[in-house]
């Protein structure tokens, strides 16, 4: 039970839980924006609601006054277009509000620590440097298992 409590209290789990809650709230805002602003703008070319855009795949096709399919098979491409717009807008907002500022902040931090962007090494180069620095350190040398030459 103690291991489970330790797992739950780790920062990764708490951060993930917060991210899920914020993501759900953020999704609601984006969906409202798309349905309330974007869909009517796109729908200005035709109907007011993108969800009403559909094509008859197998007919005869019929729809009742409420918009429910009563006969035939429809392809609901307006719903797909609406979902695609929601995805693109969500990705743009996440990129410009979260990713871009965090990348900018991390670049500023790297510059403050004296690490130029061009000096960033690949994982292999970094591991090679660490190995060379450890080999240069004075101190007791261990031989046998675990050492490679």
Protein backbone atom coordinates (compact mmCIF):
# COMPACT_ATOMS: atom_id res chain seq x y z
CA UNK A 1 0.00 0.00 0.00
CA UNK A 2 2.92 2.33 0.72
CA UNK A 3 4.26 1.83 -2.80
CA UNK A 4 0.89 2.76 -4.28
CA UNK A 5 0.73 5.92 -2.15
CA UNK A 6 4.27 6.83 -3.22
CA UNK A 7 3.30 6.26 -6.88
CA UNK A 8 0.25 8.53 -6.55
CA UNK A 9 2.20 11.28 -4.84
CA UNK A 10 4.92 11.43 -7.46
CA UNK A 11 4.91 14.63 -9.47
CA UNK A 12 4.30 12.83 -12.77
CA UNK A 13 0.95 11.40 -11.70
CA UNK A 14 -0.26 14.64 -10.15
CA UNK A 15 0.87 16.62 -13.21
CA UNK A 16 -0.90 14.17 -15.49
CA UNK A 17 -4.11 14.41 -13.47
CA UNK A 18 -4.01 18.21 -13.61
CA UNK A 19 -3.32 18.08 -17.35
CA UNK A 20 -6.33 15.82 -17.95
CA UNK A 21 -8.67 18.09 -15.97
CA UNK A 22 -7.37 21.24 -17.67
CA UNK A 23 -7.52 19.49 -21.05
CA UNK A 24 -11.16 18.55 -20.53
CA UNK A 25 -12.08 22.11 -19.59
CA UNK A 26 -10.03 23.44 -22.51
CA UNK A 27 -11.79 21.07 -24.90
CA UNK A 28 -15.17 22.41 -23.78
CA UNK A 29 -14.05 25.98 -24.47
CA UNK A 30 -12.69 25.10 -27.91
CA UNK A 31 -15.81 23.10 -28.82
CA UNK A 32 -18.00 26.05 -27.82
CA UNK A 33 -15.85 28.42 -29.85
CA UNK A 34 -16.02 26.21 -32.92
CA UNK A 35 -19.77 25.63 -32.64
CA UNK A 36 -20.60 29.24 -31.75
CA UNK A 37 -18.20 31.16 -33.99
CA UNK A 38 -16.37 29.06 -36.57
CA UNK A 39 -19.21 26.81 -37.72
CA UNK A 40 -21.58 29.75 -38.38
CA UNK A 41 -18.82 31.56 -40.31
CA UNK A 42 -18.14 28.50 -42.45
CA UNK A 43 -21.85 27.80 -42.65
CA UNK A 44 -22.51 31.31 -43.96
CA UNK A 45 -21.89 29.81 -47.39
CA UNK A 46 -24.89 27.51 -46.91
CA UNK A 47 -26.75 26.39 -43.81
CA UNK A 48 -26.10 27.73 -40.33
CA UNK A 49 -24.89 24.42 -38.91
CA UNK A 50 -22.06 22.34 -40.38
CA UNK A 51 -23.61 19.19 -38.93
CA UNK A 52 -26.41 19.49 -41.48
CA UNK A 53 -24.01 19.04 -44.42
CA UNK A 54 -24.39 15.48 -45.67
CA UNK A 55 -24.44 13.52 -48.88
CA UNK A 56 -26.67 10.63 -49.80
CA UNK A 57 -24.60 7.48 -50.28
CA UNK A 58 -27.39 4.99 -50.87
CA UNK A 59 -30.84 6.23 -51.72
CA UNK A 60 -33.51 7.12 -51.79
CA UNK A 61 -32.56 9.35 -48.85
CA UNK A 62 -35.01 11.18 -46.64
CA UNK A 63 -34.76 13.32 -43.53
CA UNK A 64 -37.59 14.35 -41.21
CA UNK A 65 -38.23 17.90 -39.96
CA UNK A 66 -35.96 17.35 -36.93
CA UNK A 67 -33.04 16.41 -39.19
CA UNK A 68 -33.08 12.71 -38.38
CA UNK A 69 -32.43 10.23 -41.17
CA UNK A 70 -35.60 8.31 -41.98
CA UNK A 71 -34.49 6.54 -45.14
CA UNK A 72 -31.22 5.85 -46.95
CA UNK A 73 -27.57 6.10 -45.97
CA UNK A 74 -25.89 9.47 -45.53
CA UNK A 75 -22.24 10.47 -45.31
CA UNK A 76 -22.11 13.15 -42.62
CA UNK A 77 -19.14 15.09 -43.96
CA UNK A 78 -20.21 18.30 -42.18
CA UNK A 79 -19.70 16.61 -38.80
CA UNK A 80 -16.24 15.47 -39.89
CA UNK A 81 -15.39 19.00 -41.10
CA UNK A 82 -16.54 20.42 -37.76
CA UNK A 83 -14.39 17.92 -35.84
CA UNK A 84 -11.42 18.71 -38.09
CA UNK A 85 -11.83 22.44 -37.46
CA UNK A 86 -12.03 21.78 -33.72
CA UNK A 87 -8.81 19.74 -33.88
CA UNK A 88 -6.92 22.35 -35.92
CA UNK A 89 -8.02 25.22 -33.68
CA UNK A 90 -7.14 23.23 -30.55
CA UNK A 91 -3.70 22.39 -31.96
CA UNK A 92 -3.07 26.04 -32.90
CA UNK A 93 -4.13 27.34 -29.50
CA UNK A 94 -2.07 24.73 -27.65
CA UNK A 95 0.96 25.51 -29.80
CA UNK A 96 0.78 29.30 -29.52
CA UNK A 97 -0.34 29.49 -25.86
CA UNK A 98 1.65 26.62 -24.36
CA UNK A 99 4.38 25.13 -26.58
CA UNK A 100 5.84 28.30 -28.11
CA UNK A 101 6.17 30.22 -24.80
CA UNK A 102 7.66 27.17 -23.04
CA UNK A 103 10.19 26.67 -25.84
CA UNK A 104 11.06 30.37 -25.67
CA UNK A 105 11.46 30.15 -21.89
CA UNK A 106 13.68 27.08 -22.16
CA UNK A 107 15.86 28.78 -24.79
CA UNK A 108 16.24 31.83 -22.52
CA UNK A 109 17.16 29.54 -19.63
CA UNK A 110 19.73 27.72 -21.76
CA UNK A 111 21.28 31.04 -22.82
CA UNK A 112 21.38 32.19 -19.20
CA UNK A 113 23.21 29.00 -18.28
CA UNK A 114 25.71 29.62 -21.08
CA UNK A 115 24.48 26.97 -23.45
CA UNK A 116 24.12 28.25 -26.98
CA UNK A 117 21.52 26.65 -29.20
CA UNK A 118 24.17 25.54 -31.69
CA UNK A 119 26.14 23.79 -28.94
CA UNK A 120 23.44 21.27 -28.13
CA UNK A 121 24.81 17.81 -28.57
CA UNK A 122 23.21 14.58 -29.65
CA UNK A 123 22.71 11.89 -27.02
CA UNK A 124 25.69 9.91 -28.29
CA UNK A 125 27.98 12.95 -28.27
CA UNK A 126 26.86 13.86 -24.77
CA UNK A 127 27.43 10.33 -23.46
CA UNK A 128 30.88 10.27 -25.08
CA UNK A 129 31.78 13.56 -23.36
CA UNK A 130 30.55 12.26 -20.00
CA UNK A 131 32.58 9.07 -20.43
CA UNK A 132 35.71 11.06 -21.31
CA UNK A 133 35.26 13.41 -18.33
CA UNK A 134 34.78 10.50 -15.96
CA UNK A 135 37.89 8.82 -17.34
CA UNK A 136 39.94 11.98 -16.71
CA UNK A 137 38.87 12.29 -13.05
CA UNK A 138 41.55 11.37 -10.53
CA UNK A 139 40.60 8.90 -7.88
CA UNK A 140 40.54 5.22 -7.12
CA UNK A 141 40.34 3.20 -10.30
CA UNK A 142 38.17 0.13 -10.21
CA UNK A 143 39.04 -2.80 -12.32
CA UNK A 144 37.20 -5.94 -13.11
CA UNK A 145 33.49 -6.27 -13.62
CA UNK A 146 31.74 -3.20 -14.88
CA UNK A 147 34.71 -1.51 -16.53
CA UNK A 148 35.11 -1.44 -20.28
CA UNK A 149 38.08 -0.52 -22.35
